[in-house]
PDB file of N, CA and C in Angstrom:
ATOM      1  N   UNK A   1     120.774 -14.180  41.803  1.00  0.00           N
ATOM      2  CA  UNK A   1     119.711 -14.499  40.777  1.00  0.00           C
ATOM      3  C   UNK A   1     120.307 -14.229  39.352  1.00  0.00           C
ATOM      4  N   UNK A   2     121.025 -15.432  38.363  1.00  0.00           N
ATOM      5  CA  UNK A   2     121.170 -14.357  37.395  1.00  0.00           C
ATOM      6  C   UNK A   2     120.442 -13.658  36.207  1.00  0.00           C
ATOM      7  N   UNK A   3     121.220 -13.317  34.956  1.00  0.00           N
ATOM      8  CA  UNK A   3     120.306 -12.571  34.385  1.00  0.00           C
ATOM      9  C   UNK A   3     118.905 -13.386  34.376  1.00  0.00           C
ATOM     10  N   UNK A   4     119.538 -14.538  33.351  1.00  0.00           N
ATOM     11  CA  UNK A   4     118.769 -16.044  32.408  1.00  0.00           C
ATOM     12  C   UNK A   4     117.823 -16.267  33.359  1.00  0.00           C
ATOM     13  N   UNK A   5     118.606 -17.045  34.831  1.00  0.00           N
ATOM     14  CA  UNK A   5     117.235 -16.839  35.671  1.00  0.00           C
ATOM     15  C   UNK A   5     116.079 -15.798  35.572  1.00  0.00           C
ATOM     16  N   UNK A   6     116.547 -14.857  35.911  1.00  0.00           N
ATOM     17  CA  UNK A   6     115.272 -13.900  36.520  1.00  0.00           C
ATOM     18  C   UNK A   6     114.633 -13.364  35.114  1.00  0.00           C
ATOM     19  N   UNK A   7     115.152 -13.396  33.898  1.00  0.00           N
ATOM     20  CA  UNK A   7     114.384 -13.580  33.204  1.00  0.00           C
ATOM     21  C   UNK A   7     112.877 -14.967  32.841  1.00  0.00           C
ATOM     22  N   UNK A   8     113.624 -15.689  33.401  1.00  0.00           N
ATOM     23  CA  UNK A   8     113.167 -17.082  33.248  1.00  0.00           C
ATOM     24  C   UNK A   8     112.184 -16.933  34.008  1.00  0.00           C
ATOM     25  N   UNK A   9     112.147 -16.782  35.212  1.00  0.00           N
ATOM     26  CA  UNK A   9     111.228 -16.532  36.558  1.00  0.00           C
ATOM     27  C   UNK A   9     110.251 -15.306  36.033  1.00  0.00           C
ATOM     28  N   UNK A  10     110.255 -13.954  35.564  1.00  0.00           N
ATOM     29  CA  UNK A  10     109.306 -13.086  35.082  1.00  0.00           C
ATOM     30  C   UNK A  10     108.561 -13.902  33.880  1.00  0.00           C
ATOM     31  N   UNK A  11     109.089 -14.526  33.296  1.00  0.00           N
ATOM     32  CA  UNK A  11     108.295 -15.172  32.181  1.00  0.00           C
ATOM     33  C   UNK A  11     107.451 -16.208  32.847  1.00  0.00           C
ATOM     34  N   UNK A  12     107.516 -17.335  33.615  1.00  0.00           N
ATOM     35  CA  UNK A  12     106.730 -17.503  34.685  1.00  0.00           C
ATOM     36  C   UNK A  12     105.912 -17.036  35.602  1.00  0.00           C
ATOM     37  N   UNK A  13     106.127 -16.034  35.828  1.00  0.00           N
ATOM     38  CA  UNK A  13     105.386 -15.165  36.316  1.00  0.00           C
ATOM     39  C   UNK A  13     104.090 -14.697  35.800  1.00  0.00           C
ATOM     40  N   UNK A  14     104.556 -14.268  34.257  1.00  0.00           N
ATOM     41  CA  UNK A  14     103.506 -13.844  33.809  1.00  0.00           C
ATOM     42  C   UNK A  14     102.757 -14.949  32.734  1.00  0.00           C
ATOM     43  N   UNK A  15     102.879 -15.869  33.234  1.00  0.00           N
ATOM     44  CA  UNK A  15     102.285 -17.659  33.105  1.00  0.00           C
ATOM     45  C   UNK A  15     101.271 -17.334  33.864  1.00  0.00           C
ATOM     46  N   UNK A  16     101.445 -17.465  34.974  1.00  0.00           N
ATOM     47  CA  UNK A  16     101.356 -17.912  36.321  1.00  0.00           C
ATOM     48  C   UNK A  16     100.034 -16.541  35.996  1.00  0.00           C
ATOM     49  N   UNK A  17     100.341 -15.544  36.332  1.00  0.00           N
ATOM     50  CA  UNK A  17      99.625 -14.310  35.831  1.00  0.00           C
ATOM     51  C   UNK A  17      98.594 -14.341  34.952  1.00  0.00           C
ATOM     52  N   UNK A  18      98.540 -14.643  33.981  1.00  0.00           N
ATOM     53  CA  UNK A  18      97.585 -14.622  32.553  1.00  0.00           C
ATOM     54  C   UNK A  18      96.316 -15.877  33.360  1.00  0.00           C
ATOM     55  N   UNK A  19      96.885 -16.814  33.828  1.00  0.00           N
ATOM     56  CA  UNK A  19      96.543 -17.711  34.002  1.00  0.00           C
ATOM     57  C   UNK A  19      95.556 -17.553  35.390  1.00  0.00           C
ATOM     58  N   UNK A  20      95.763 -16.655  36.067  1.00  0.00           N
ATOM     59  CA  UNK A  20      95.069 -16.206  37.560  1.00  0.00           C
ATOM     60  C   UNK A  20      93.968 -15.076  36.156  1.00  0.00           C
ATOM     61  N   UNK A  21      94.400 -14.706  35.423  1.00  0.00           N
ATOM     62  CA  UNK A  21      93.015 -13.597  35.188  1.00  0.00           C
ATOM     63  C   UNK A  21      92.647 -14.361  34.278  1.00  0.00           C
ATOM     64  N   UNK A  22      92.767 -15.354  33.695  1.00  0.00           N
ATOM     65  CA  UNK A  22      91.541 -16.212  32.870  1.00  0.00           C
ATOM     66  C   UNK A  22      90.666 -16.795  33.676  1.00  0.00           C
ATOM     67  N   UNK A  23      91.193 -17.089  34.818  1.00  0.00           N
ATOM     68  CA  UNK A  23      90.549 -18.097  35.709  1.00  0.00           C
ATOM     69  C   UNK A  23      89.873 -16.657  36.968  1.00  0.00           C
ATOM     70  N   UNK A  24      89.989 -15.793  36.930  1.00  0.00           N
ATOM     71  CA  UNK A  24      89.453 -14.794  38.152  1.00  0.00           C
ATOM     72  C   UNK A  24      87.751 -14.894  38.288  1.00  0.00           C
ATOM     73  N   UNK A  25      87.293 -14.800  37.441  1.00  0.00           N
ATOM     74  CA  UNK A  25      85.521 -14.684  37.908  1.00  0.00           C
ATOM     75  C   UNK A  25      84.501 -16.197  37.600  1.00  0.00           C
ATOM     76  N   UNK A  26      86.326 -17.152  37.655  1.00  0.00           N
ATOM     77  CA  UNK A  26      85.116 -19.021  37.313  1.00  0.00           C
ATOM     78  C   UNK A  26      85.354 -18.381  38.920  1.00  0.00           C
ATOM     79  N   UNK A  27      84.038 -19.812  38.817  1.00  0.00           N
ATOM     80  CA  UNK A  27      83.591 -20.030  40.345  1.00  0.00           C
ATOM     81  C   UNK A  27      84.613 -21.553  41.320  1.00  0.00           C
ATOM     82  N   UNK A  28      85.656 -21.582  39.805  1.00  0.00           N
ATOM     83  CA  UNK A  28      86.745 -22.632  40.455  1.00  0.00           C
ATOM     84  C   UNK A  28      87.445 -21.717  41.830  1.00  0.00           C
ATOM     85  N   UNK A  29      86.542 -23.050  42.767  1.00  0.00           N
ATOM     86  CA  UNK A  29      87.581 -22.183  44.446  1.00  0.00           C
ATOM     87  C   UNK A  29      89.418 -22.662  44.249  1.00  0.00           C
ATOM     88  N   UNK A  30      90.252 -22.818  43.197  1.00  0.00           N
ATOM     89  CA  UNK A  30      91.386 -23.428  43.202  1.00  0.00           C
ATOM     90  C   UNK A  30      92.347 -21.852  42.879  1.00  0.00           C
ATOM     91  N   UNK A  31      91.498 -21.307  42.328  1.00  0.00           N
ATOM     92  CA  UNK A  31      91.806 -19.639  41.940  1.00  0.00           C
ATOM     93  C   UNK A  31      92.342 -18.852  43.475  1.00  0.00           C
ATOM     94  N   UNK A  32      92.511 -19.149  44.705  1.00  0.00           N
ATOM     95  CA  UNK A  32      92.265 -18.561  45.645  1.00  0.00           C
ATOM     96  C   UNK A  32      94.183 -18.986  46.122  1.00  0.00           C
ATOM     97  N   UNK A  33      94.377 -20.638  45.684  1.00  0.00           N
ATOM     98  CA  UNK A  33      95.351 -21.396  46.068  1.00  0.00           C
ATOM     99  C   UNK A  33      96.092 -20.958  44.946  1.00  0.00           C
ATOM    100  N   UNK A  34      95.695 -20.974  43.766  1.00  0.00           N
ATOM    101  CA  UNK A  34      96.836 -20.093  42.950  1.00  0.00           C
ATOM    102  C   UNK A  34      96.822 -19.190  42.547  1.00  0.00           C
ATOM    103  N   UNK A  35      96.631 -18.040  43.305  1.00  0.00           N
ATOM    104  CA  UNK A  35      96.464 -16.691  43.904  1.00  0.00           C
ATOM    105  C   UNK A  35      98.135 -16.607  44.850  1.00  0.00           C
ATOM    106  N   UNK A  36      97.727 -17.762  45.435  1.00  0.00           N
ATOM    107  CA  UNK A  36      98.653 -17.450  47.274  1.00  0.00           C
ATOM    108  C   UNK A  36      99.862 -18.089  46.787  1.00  0.00           C
ATOM    109  N   UNK A  37     100.280 -19.155  45.742  1.00  0.00           N
ATOM    110  CA  UNK A  37     101.322 -19.370  45.061  1.00  0.00           C
ATOM    111  C   UNK A  37     101.797 -18.418  44.692  1.00  0.00           C
ATOM    112  N   UNK A  38     101.070 -17.631  43.529  1.00  0.00           N
ATOM    113  CA  UNK A  38     101.434 -16.558  42.534  1.00  0.00           C
ATOM    114  C   UNK A  38     102.561 -15.407  43.311  1.00  0.00           C
ATOM    115  N   UNK A  39     101.421 -15.301  45.074  1.00  0.00           N
ATOM    116  CA  UNK A  39     102.132 -14.099  45.553  1.00  0.00           C
ATOM    117  C   UNK A  39     103.548 -15.203  46.518  1.00  0.00           C
ATOM    118  N   UNK A  40     103.374 -16.087  47.218  1.00  0.00           N
ATOM    119  CA  UNK A  40     104.560 -16.338  47.432  1.00  0.00           C
ATOM    120  C   UNK A  40     105.631 -16.622  46.374  1.00  0.00           C
ATOM    121  N   UNK A  41     105.967 -17.271  45.182  1.00  0.00           N
ATOM    122  CA  UNK A  41     106.663 -17.022  44.401  1.00  0.00           C
ATOM    123  C   UNK A  41     106.807 -14.881  44.394  1.00  0.00           C
ATOM    124  N   UNK A  42     106.457 -14.171  44.512  1.00  0.00           N
ATOM    125  CA  UNK A  42     106.458 -12.197  44.012  1.00  0.00           C
ATOM    126  C   UNK A  42     107.067 -12.578  45.616  1.00  0.00           C
ATOM    127  N   UNK A  43     106.661 -12.683  46.732  1.00  0.00           N
ATOM    128  CA  UNK A  43     107.281 -12.910  47.899  1.00  0.00           C
ATOM    129  C   UNK A  43     108.554 -12.722  47.930  1.00  0.00           C
ATOM    130  N   UNK A  44     108.834 -13.958  47.692  1.00  0.00           N
ATOM    131  CA  UNK A  44     110.522 -14.783  48.110  1.00  0.00           C
ATOM    132  C   UNK A  44     111.226 -13.884  46.525  1.00  0.00           C
ATOM    133  N   UNK A  45     110.992 -13.605  45.511  1.00  0.00           N
ATOM    134  CA  UNK A  45     111.312 -13.543  44.607  1.00  0.00           C
ATOM    135  C   UNK A  45     112.021 -11.558  44.589  1.00  0.00           C
ATOM    136  N   UNK A  46     110.990 -11.693  45.450  1.00  0.00           N
ATOM    137  CA  UNK A  46     111.189  -9.383  45.899  1.00  0.00           C
ATOM    138  C   UNK A  46     111.579  -8.915  45.462  1.00  0.00           C
ATOM    139  N   UNK A  47     109.941  -9.653  44.101  1.00  0.00           N
ATOM    140  CA  UNK A  47     109.261  -8.289  42.749  1.00  0.00           C
ATOM    141  C   UNK A  47     108.389  -7.284  43.045  1.00  0.00           C
ATOM    142  N   UNK A  48     109.475  -6.068  42.643  1.00  0.00           N
ATOM    143  CA  UNK A  48     108.971  -5.013  43.107  1.00  0.00           C
ATOM    144  C   UNK A  48     106.838  -4.250  42.713  1.00  0.00           C
ATOM    145  N   UNK A  49     106.321  -3.955  43.244  1.00  0.00           N
ATOM    146  CA  UNK A  49     105.093  -3.767  42.600  1.00  0.00           C
ATOM    147  C   UNK A  49     105.233  -3.385  41.538  1.00  0.00           C
ATOM    148  N   UNK A  50     106.063  -2.314  40.785  1.00  0.00           N
ATOM    149  CA  UNK A  50     105.967  -1.828  39.859  1.00  0.00           C
ATOM    150  C   UNK A  50     105.883  -2.768  38.711  1.00  0.00           C
ATOM    151  N   UNK A  51     106.403  -2.935  38.413  1.00  0.00           N
ATOM    152  CA  UNK A  51     106.530  -4.621  38.172  1.00  0.00           C
ATOM    153  C   UNK A  51     105.495  -5.859  37.495  1.00  0.00           C
ATOM    154  N   UNK A  52     105.008  -5.747  38.769  1.00  0.00           N
ATOM    155  CA  UNK A  52     103.255  -6.361  39.038  1.00  0.00           C
ATOM    156  C   UNK A  52     103.147  -5.780  38.103  1.00  0.00           C
ATOM    157  N   UNK A  53     102.761  -4.901  38.213  1.00  0.00           N
ATOM    158  CA  UNK A  53     101.404  -3.789  37.843  1.00  0.00           C
ATOM    159  C   UNK A  53     101.699  -3.774  36.142  1.00  0.00           C
ATOM    160  N   UNK A  54     103.468  -3.691  35.857  1.00  0.00           N
ATOM    161  CA  UNK A  54     103.441  -3.872  34.361  1.00  0.00           C
ATOM    162  C   UNK A  54     103.633  -5.574  33.840  1.00  0.00           C
ATOM    163  N   UNK A  55     103.466  -6.566  34.159  1.00  0.00           N
ATOM    164  CA  UNK A  55     102.641  -7.609  33.821  1.00  0.00           C
ATOM    165  C   UNK A  55     101.321  -7.693  33.823  1.00  0.00           C
ATOM    166  N   UNK A  56     101.173  -7.126  34.716  1.00  0.00           N
ATOM    167  CA  UNK A  56      99.185  -6.659  34.274  1.00  0.00           C
ATOM    168  C   UNK A  56      98.627  -6.200  32.955  1.00  0.00           C
ATOM    169  N   UNK A  57      99.631  -4.708  33.190  1.00  0.00           N
ATOM    170  CA  UNK A  57      99.163  -3.917  31.780  1.00  0.00           C
ATOM    171  C   UNK A  57      99.401  -4.492  30.270  1.00  0.00           C
ATOM    172  N   UNK A  58     100.468  -5.396  30.304  1.00  0.00           N
ATOM    173  CA  UNK A  58     100.983  -6.786  29.675  1.00  0.00           C
ATOM    174  C   UNK A  58      99.730  -7.016  29.356  1.00  0.00           C
ATOM    175  N   UNK A  59      99.155  -8.413  29.938  1.00  0.00           N
ATOM    176  CA  UNK A  59      98.950  -8.948  29.839  1.00  0.00           C
ATOM    177  C   UNK A  59      97.190  -8.520  29.773  1.00  0.00           C
ATOM    178  N   UNK A  60      96.856  -7.520  30.330  1.00  0.00           N
ATOM    179  CA  UNK A  60      95.715  -7.036  29.443  1.00  0.00           C
ATOM    180  C   UNK A  60      95.521  -6.456  27.807  1.00  0.00           C
ATOM    181  N   UNK A  61      96.869  -5.974  27.818  1.00  0.00           N
ATOM    182  CA  UNK A  61      97.284  -5.075  26.105  1.00  0.00           C
ATOM    183  C   UNK A  61      96.831  -6.084  25.327  1.00  0.00           C
ATOM    184  N   UNK A  62      97.347  -7.553  25.963  1.00  0.00           N
ATOM    185  CA  UNK A  62      97.188  -8.643  24.777  1.00  0.00           C
ATOM    186  C   UNK A  62      95.773  -8.842  24.546  1.00  0.00           C
ATOM    187  N   UNK A  63      95.096  -8.942  25.413  1.00  0.00           N
ATOM    188  CA  UNK A  63      93.884  -9.292  25.005  1.00  0.00           C
ATOM    189  C   UNK A  63      93.086  -8.593  25.389  1.00  0.00           C
ATOM    190  N   UNK A  64      93.347  -6.964  25.321  1.00  0.00           N
ATOM    191  CA  UNK A  64      92.642  -5.924  24.785  1.00  0.00           C
ATOM    192  C   UNK A  64      92.782  -5.701  22.663  1.00  0.00           C
ATOM    193  N   UNK A  65      93.920  -5.819  22.381  1.00  0.00           N
ATOM    194  CA  UNK A  65      94.665  -6.618  21.164  1.00  0.00           C
ATOM    195  C   UNK A  65      93.467  -7.681  20.268  1.00  0.00           C
ATOM    196  N   UNK A  66      93.271  -8.548  21.388  1.00  0.00           N
ATOM    197  CA  UNK A  66      93.127  -9.726  20.669  1.00  0.00           C
ATOM    198  C   UNK A  66      91.359  -9.633  20.690  1.00  0.00           C
ATOM    199  N   UNK A  67      91.158  -8.915  21.530  1.00  0.00           N
ATOM    200  CA  UNK A  67      89.159  -8.470  22.009  1.00  0.00           C
ATOM    201  C   UNK A  67      89.306  -8.007  20.245  1.00  0.00           C
ATOM    202  N   UNK A  68      89.803  -6.532  20.133  1.00  0.00           N
ATOM    203  CA  UNK A  68      90.129  -5.900  18.772  1.00  0.00           C
ATOM    204  C   UNK A  68      89.583  -6.073  17.827  1.00  0.00           C
ATOM    205  N   UNK A  69      90.461  -7.124  17.765  1.00  0.00           N
ATOM    206  CA  UNK A  69      91.272  -8.081  16.106  1.00  0.00           C
ATOM    207  C   UNK A  69      89.720  -8.835  16.119  1.00  0.00           C
ATOM    208  N   UNK A  70      89.244  -8.898  17.268  1.00  0.00           N
ATOM    209  CA  UNK A  70      87.723 -10.206  17.560  1.00  0.00           C
ATOM    210  C   UNK A  70      86.775  -8.936  16.761  1.00  0.00           C
ATOM    211  N   UNK A  71      86.649  -8.815  16.865  1.00  0.00           N
ATOM    212  CA  UNK A  71      85.625  -6.945  16.528  1.00  0.00           C
ATOM    213  C   UNK A  71      84.828  -7.649  18.103  1.00  0.00           C
ATOM    214  N   UNK A  72      85.677  -6.859  19.081  1.00  0.00           N
ATOM    215  CA  UNK A  72      84.499  -7.176  20.401  1.00  0.00           C
ATOM    216  C   UNK A  72      85.495  -5.905  21.134  1.00  0.00           C
ATOM    217  N   UNK A  73      84.093  -5.155  22.082  1.00  0.00           N
ATOM    218  CA  UNK A  73      84.374  -4.059  22.503  1.00  0.00           C
ATOM    219  C   UNK A  73      85.424  -5.168  24.056  1.00  0.00           C
ATOM    220  N   UNK A  74      86.382  -4.072  24.357  1.00  0.00           N
ATOM    221  CA  UNK A  74      86.772  -4.645  25.319  1.00  0.00           C
ATOM    222  C   UNK A  74      87.335  -3.650  27.244  1.00  0.00           C
ATOM    223  N   UNK A  75      85.960  -3.169  27.105  1.00  0.00           N
ATOM    224  CA  UNK A  75      85.518  -3.010  28.119  1.00  0.00           C
ATOM    225  C   UNK A  75      85.390  -3.061  29.517  1.00  0.00           C
ATOM    226  N   UNK A  76      85.033  -4.714  29.333  1.00  0.00           N
ATOM    227  CA  UNK A  76      85.341  -5.761  30.489  1.00  0.00           C
ATOM    228  C   UNK A  76      86.749  -5.823  30.568  1.00  0.00           C
ATOM    229  N   UNK A  77      87.744  -5.685  30.125  1.00  0.00           N
ATOM    230  CA  UNK A  77      88.842  -5.644  30.405  1.00  0.00           C
ATOM    231  C   UNK A  77      88.927  -4.726  32.114  1.00  0.00           C
ATOM    232  N   UNK A  78      88.601  -4.082  32.076  1.00  0.00           N
ATOM    233  CA  UNK A  78      88.885  -2.924  33.627  1.00  0.00           C
ATOM    234  C   UNK A  78      88.050  -4.052  35.008  1.00  0.00           C
ATOM    235  N   UNK A  79      87.758  -4.486  34.097  1.00  0.00           N
ATOM    236  CA  UNK A  79      86.768  -5.260  35.854  1.00  0.00           C
ATOM    237  C   UNK A  79      88.251  -6.050  36.544  1.00  0.00           C
ATOM    238  N   UNK A  80      89.183  -6.266  35.823  1.00  0.00           N
ATOM    239  CA  UNK A  80      90.216  -7.722  35.602  1.00  0.00           C
ATOM    240  C   UNK A  80      91.362  -6.501  36.676  1.00  0.00           C
ATOM    241  N   UNK A  81      91.276  -4.931  36.530  1.00  0.00           N
ATOM    242  CA  UNK A  81      91.722  -4.396  38.169  1.00  0.00           C
ATOM    243  C   UNK A  81      91.884  -4.564  39.413  1.00  0.00           C
ATOM    244  N   UNK A  82      90.234  -5.336  39.440  1.00  0.00           N
ATOM    245  CA  UNK A  82      89.858  -6.559  40.357  1.00  0.00           C
ATOM    246  C   UNK A  82      91.365  -7.449  40.949  1.00  0.00           C
ATOM    247  N   UNK A  83      91.586  -8.437  40.030  1.00  0.00           N
ATOM    248  CA  UNK A  83      92.354  -9.416  40.459  1.00  0.00           C
ATOM    249  C   UNK A  83      93.394  -8.580  40.034  1.00  0.00           C
ATOM    250  N   UNK A  84      94.450  -7.796  39.859  1.00  0.00           N
ATOM    251  CA  UNK A  84      95.390  -6.657  40.817  1.00  0.00           C
ATOM    252  C   UNK A  84      95.668  -5.893  41.637  1.00  0.00           C
ATOM    253  N   UNK A  85      94.321  -5.551  41.844  1.00  0.00           N
ATOM    254  CA  UNK A  85      94.042  -5.138  43.406  1.00  0.00           C
ATOM    255  C   UNK A  85      94.105  -6.421  44.881  1.00  0.00           C
ATOM    256  N   UNK A  86      93.536  -7.194  44.327  1.00  0.00           N
ATOM    257  CA  UNK A  86      93.448  -8.941  45.314  1.00  0.00           C
ATOM    258  C   UNK A  86      94.590  -8.991  45.223  1.00  0.00           C
ATOM    259  N   UNK A  87      95.481  -9.178  43.717  1.00  0.00           N
ATOM    260  CA  UNK A  87      96.991  -9.478  44.377  1.00  0.00           C
ATOM    261  C   UNK A  87      98.012  -8.879  45.302  1.00  0.00           C
ATOM    262  N   UNK A  88      98.120  -7.526  44.841  1.00  0.00           N
ATOM    263  CA  UNK A  88      98.448  -6.324  45.844  1.00  0.00           C
ATOM    264  C   UNK A  88      98.315  -6.071  47.102  1.00  0.00           C
ATOM    265  N   UNK A  89      96.527  -6.555  46.884  1.00  0.00           N
ATOM    266  CA  UNK A  89      96.573  -6.698  49.049  1.00  0.00           C
ATOM    267  C   UNK A  89      97.259  -8.053  48.970  1.00  0.00           C
ATOM    268  N   UNK A  90      96.660  -9.223  48.285  1.00  0.00           N
ATOM    269  CA  UNK A  90      97.323 -10.061  49.659  1.00  0.00           C
ATOM    270  C   UNK A  90      98.874  -9.643  49.566  1.00  0.00           C
ATOM    271  N   UNK A  91      99.269  -9.657  48.561  1.00  0.00           N
ATOM    272  CA  UNK A  91     101.260  -9.306  48.748  1.00  0.00           C
ATOM    273  C   UNK A  91     101.594  -7.988  50.090  1.00  0.00           C
ATOM    274  N   UNK A  92     100.384  -7.464  49.799  1.00  0.00           N
ATOM    275  CA  UNK A  92     101.151  -6.281  50.957  1.00  0.00           C
ATOM    276  C   UNK A  92     100.535  -6.888  52.665  1.00  0.00           C
ATOM    277  N   UNK A  93      99.657  -8.134  52.714  1.00  0.00           N
ATOM    278  CA  UNK A  93      99.632  -8.292  54.099  1.00  0.00           C
ATOM    279  C   UNK A  93     100.782  -9.635  54.093  1.00  0.00           C
ATOM    280  N   UNK A  94     101.219 -10.452  53.124  1.00  0.00           N
ATOM    281  CA  UNK A  94     102.351 -10.972  53.196  1.00  0.00           C
ATOM    282  C   UNK A  94     103.830 -10.533  54.190  1.00  0.00           C
ATOM    283  N   UNK A  95     103.888  -9.272  53.636  1.00  0.00           N
ATOM    284  CA  UNK A  95     104.827  -8.661  53.996  1.00  0.00           C
ATOM    285  C   UNK A  95     104.766  -8.488  55.030  1.00  0.00           C
ATOM    286  N   UNK A  96     103.044  -7.528  55.324  1.00  0.00           N
ATOM    287  CA  UNK A  96     103.259  -7.345  56.952  1.00  0.00           C
ATOM    288  C   UNK A  96     103.364  -8.244  58.082  1.00  0.00           C
ATOM    289  N   UNK A  97     102.962  -9.091  57.576  1.00  0.00           N
ATOM    290  CA  UNK A  97     102.879 -10.235  58.308  1.00  0.00           C
ATOM    291  C   UNK A  97     104.121 -10.807  58.718  1.00  0.00           C
ATOM    292  N   UNK A  98     105.117 -10.403  57.204  1.00  0.00           N
ATOM    293  CA  UNK A  98     107.096 -11.329  57.527  1.00  0.00           C
ATOM    294  C   UNK A  98     107.448 -10.093  58.604  1.00  0.00           C
ATOM    295  N   UNK A  99     107.039  -8.688  58.816  1.00  0.00           N
ATOM    296  CA  UNK A  99     107.429  -7.873  59.732  1.00  0.00           C
ATOM    297  C   UNK A  99     107.382  -7.831  61.172  1.00  0.00           C
ATOM    298  N   UNK A 100     108.555  -8.025  61.874  1.00  0.00           N
ATOM    299  CA  UNK A 100     108.189  -8.605  63.630  1.00  0.00           C
ATOM    300  C   UNK A 100     107.875  -7.431  64.041  1.00  0.00           C
ATOM    301  N   UNK A 101     106.696  -7.497  65.153  1.00  0.00           N
ATOM    302  CA  UNK A 101     106.294  -6.583  65.550  1.00  0.00           C
ATOM    303  C   UNK A 101     107.484  -6.535  66.641  1.00  0.00           C
ATOM    304  N   UNK A 102     107.456  -5.048  66.652  1.00  0.00           N
ATOM    305  CA  UNK A 102     108.571  -4.745  67.565  1.00  0.00           C
ATOM    306  C   UNK A 102     107.779  -3.769  69.317  1.00  0.00           C
ATOM    307  N   UNK A 103     107.993  -4.140  70.301  1.00  0.00           N
ATOM    308  CA  UNK A 103     107.711  -4.301  71.522  1.00  0.00           C
ATOM    309  C   UNK A 103     108.508  -2.856  72.273  1.00  0.00           C
ATOM    310  N   UNK A 104     106.836  -1.585  72.089  1.00  0.00           N
ATOM    311  CA  UNK A 104     107.447  -0.560  72.316  1.00  0.00           C
ATOM    312  C   UNK A 104     107.529   0.125  74.117  1.00  0.00           C
ATOM    313  N   UNK A 105     107.786  -0.892  74.371  1.00  0.00           N
ATOM    314  CA  UNK A 105     107.847  -0.933  76.235  1.00  0.00           C
ATOM    315  C   UNK A 105     109.425  -0.335  76.124  1.00  0.00           C
ATOM    316  N   UNK A 106     109.076   0.825  76.759  1.00  0.00           N
ATOM    317  CA  UNK A 106     110.609   2.038  76.854  1.00  0.00           C
ATOM    318  C   UNK A 106     110.784   2.284  78.250  1.00  0.00           C
TER     319      UNK A 106
END
């Protein structure tokens, strides 16, 4: 993947993750499908976990700055760690399922 393509992919991932974060605690059931799509993109592009965490932190930092500008408390943003844990757990499960099981019969 070229550096430009990689940059565009990361920009799209950040946009997709921002949408997931915004809608994570809603009762809309489509968020699970969005998370699955996001996970598939991460998996296929082989995006490392530290980069996913960085995306999460950048978005939460942006939200925190906006809340502070509005004079509001940003403590509720801590709850969005659940979204990160959910995404990382799904990604780990995807990797686990992708590894072929070895038969240990010797």
